[in-house]
C-alpha atoms as a PDB file:
ATOM      1  CA  MET A   1      -3.101 -34.198  11.400  1.00  0.00           C
ATOM      2  CA  ILE A   2      -6.408 -33.291   9.772  1.00  0.00           C
ATOM      3  CA  ASN A   3      -8.269 -35.435  12.296  1.00  0.00           C
ATOM      4  CA  ILE A   4      -6.671 -33.537  15.184  1.00  0.00           C
ATOM      5  CA  ILE A   5      -7.592 -30.171  13.669  1.00  0.00           C
ATOM      6  CA  MET A   6     -11.160 -31.318  13.035  1.00  0.00           C
ATOM      7  CA  LYS A   7     -11.529 -32.609  16.610  1.00  0.00           C
ATOM      8  CA  LEU A   8     -10.235 -29.300  18.005  1.00  0.00           C
ATOM      9  CA  ALA A   9     -12.456 -27.247  15.716  1.00  0.00           C
ATOM     10  CA  THR A  10     -15.587 -29.237  16.519  1.00  0.00           C
ATOM     11  CA  GLY A  11     -14.858 -29.971  20.175  1.00  0.00           C
ATOM     12  CA  TYR A  12     -13.925 -26.396  21.090  1.00  0.00           C
ATOM     13  CA  ARG A  13     -15.928 -24.547  18.469  1.00  0.00           C
ATOM     14  CA  ARG A  14     -16.725 -21.510  20.670  1.00  0.00           C
ATOM     15  CA  SER A  15     -13.104 -21.137  21.734  1.00  0.00           C
ATOM     16  CA  VAL A  16     -11.940 -21.470  18.142  1.00  0.00           C
ATOM     17  CA  PHE A  17     -14.557 -18.940  16.986  1.00  0.00           C
ATOM     18  CA  TRP A  18     -13.519 -16.336  19.580  1.00  0.00           C
ATOM     19  CA  MET A  19      -9.828 -16.937  18.980  1.00  0.00           C
ATOM     20  CA  LEU A  20     -10.269 -16.388  15.233  1.00  0.00           C
ATOM     21  CA  THR A  21     -12.443 -13.328  15.922  1.00  0.00           C
ATOM     22  CA  LEU A  22      -9.730 -11.805  18.136  1.00  0.00           C
ATOM     23  CA  ILE A  23      -7.042 -12.551  15.574  1.00  0.00           C
ATOM     24  CA  THR A  24      -9.162 -10.921  12.840  1.00  0.00           C
ATOM     25  CA  ILE A  25      -9.757  -7.805  14.943  1.00  0.00           C
ATOM     26  CA  ALA A  26      -6.060  -7.562  15.825  1.00  0.00           C
ATOM     27  CA  VAL A  27      -5.033  -7.803  12.178  1.00  0.00           C
ATOM     28  CA  ALA A  28      -7.743  -5.348  11.097  1.00  0.00           C
ATOM     29  CA  ALA A  29      -6.477  -2.810  13.649  1.00  0.00           C
ATOM     30  CA  PHE A  30      -3.259  -2.452  11.648  1.00  0.00           C
ATOM     31  CA  ILE A  31      -4.966  -1.753   8.314  1.00  0.00           C
ATOM     32  CA  PRO A  32      -4.958   2.070   8.769  1.00  0.00           C
ATOM     33  CA  SER A  33      -1.184   2.063   9.277  1.00  0.00           C
ATOM     34  CA  ILE A  34      -0.508   0.414   5.902  1.00  0.00           C
ATOM     35  CA  THR A  35       1.051   2.744   3.359  1.00  0.00           C
ATOM     36  CA  ILE A  36       1.211   1.927  -0.330  1.00  0.00           C
ATOM     37  CA  ASP A  37       3.635   3.774  -2.561  1.00  0.00           C
ATOM     38  CA  THR A  38       2.373   3.546  -6.131  1.00  0.00           C
ATOM     39  CA  ASP A  39       4.808   6.072  -7.586  1.00  0.00           C
ATOM     40  CA  PRO A  40       6.622   4.290 -10.443  1.00  0.00           C
ATOM     41  CA  GLU A  41       9.754   6.361  -9.828  1.00  0.00           C
ATOM     42  CA  ASN A  42      10.186   4.725  -6.435  1.00  0.00           C
ATOM     43  CA  MET A  43       9.967   1.210  -7.853  1.00  0.00           C
ATOM     44  CA  LEU A  44      13.467   1.378  -9.320  1.00  0.00           C
ATOM     45  CA  PRO A  45      16.734   1.938  -7.437  1.00  0.00           C
ATOM     46  CA  ASP A  46      18.317   5.402  -7.687  1.00  0.00           C
ATOM     47  CA  ASP A  47      21.236   4.109  -9.770  1.00  0.00           C
ATOM     48  CA  ASN A  48      19.064   2.275 -12.326  1.00  0.00           C
ATOM     49  CA  PRO A  49      19.974   3.514 -15.855  1.00  0.00           C
ATOM     50  CA  GLN A  50      16.339   4.099 -16.838  1.00  0.00           C
ATOM     51  CA  ARG A  51      15.667   6.119 -13.705  1.00  0.00           C
ATOM     52  CA  VAL A  52      18.869   8.149 -14.134  1.00  0.00           C
ATOM     53  CA  PHE A  53      17.896   8.933 -17.743  1.00  0.00           C
ATOM     54  CA  HIS A  54      14.361   9.832 -16.689  1.00  0.00           C
ATOM     55  CA  ASN A  55      15.662  12.239 -14.036  1.00  0.00           C
ATOM     56  CA  GLU A  56      18.000  13.844 -16.581  1.00  0.00           C
ATOM     57  CA  VAL A  57      15.110  14.329 -19.022  1.00  0.00           C
ATOM     58  CA  LYS A  58      12.971  15.851 -16.271  1.00  0.00           C
ATOM     59  CA  GLU A  59      15.733  18.333 -15.434  1.00  0.00           C
ATOM     60  CA  THR A  60      16.386  19.143 -19.100  1.00  0.00           C
ATOM     61  CA  PHE A  61      12.752  19.920 -19.863  1.00  0.00           C
ATOM     62  CA  ALA A  62      11.910  21.370 -16.412  1.00  0.00           C
ATOM     63  CA  MET A  63       9.216  18.773 -15.756  1.00  0.00           C
ATOM     64  CA  TRP A  64       7.565  18.425 -12.357  1.00  0.00           C
ATOM     65  CA  LYS A  65       4.610  16.650 -10.834  1.00  0.00           C
ATOM     66  CA  LEU A  66       1.282  18.434 -10.787  1.00  0.00           C
ATOM     67  CA  PRO A  67      -0.984  18.178  -7.758  1.00  0.00           C
ATOM     68  CA  SER A  68      -3.821  15.708  -8.226  1.00  0.00           C
ATOM     69  CA  LYS A  69      -6.449  18.461  -8.188  1.00  0.00           C
ATOM     70  CA  TRP A  70      -4.381  21.135  -9.898  1.00  0.00           C
ATOM     71  CA  HIS A  71      -7.298  22.620 -11.823  1.00  0.00           C
ATOM     72  CA  THR A  72      -9.390  23.342  -8.710  1.00  0.00           C
ATOM     73  CA  SER A  73      -6.937  23.773  -5.847  1.00  0.00           C
ATOM     74  CA  ASN A  74      -4.445  26.070  -7.582  1.00  0.00           C
ATOM     75  CA  PRO A  75      -6.156  28.897  -9.477  1.00  0.00           C
ATOM     76  CA  GLU A  76      -2.853  30.104 -10.991  1.00  0.00           C
ATOM     77  CA  MET A  77      -2.408  26.825 -12.882  1.00  0.00           C
ATOM     78  CA  ALA A  78      -6.019  26.782 -14.077  1.00  0.00           C
ATOM     79  CA  GLN A  79      -5.604  29.965 -16.113  1.00  0.00           C
END
């Protein structure tokens, strides 16, 4: 099997190079559409006991998420 792959790679090196280049470009074209959710709250199911307790605590103490640039983008919160 390795001998066959080596013969193809060396015998058709330009074809292999361009095929791998096209595959790389095609895969790279999808990189902007990747979304990564790093919010820890979304890593647990809604019915998980820890998440249910956390949501109850947030409601009890009126906690909410602050914007990432709260001190510069929202002057009311900076005061």
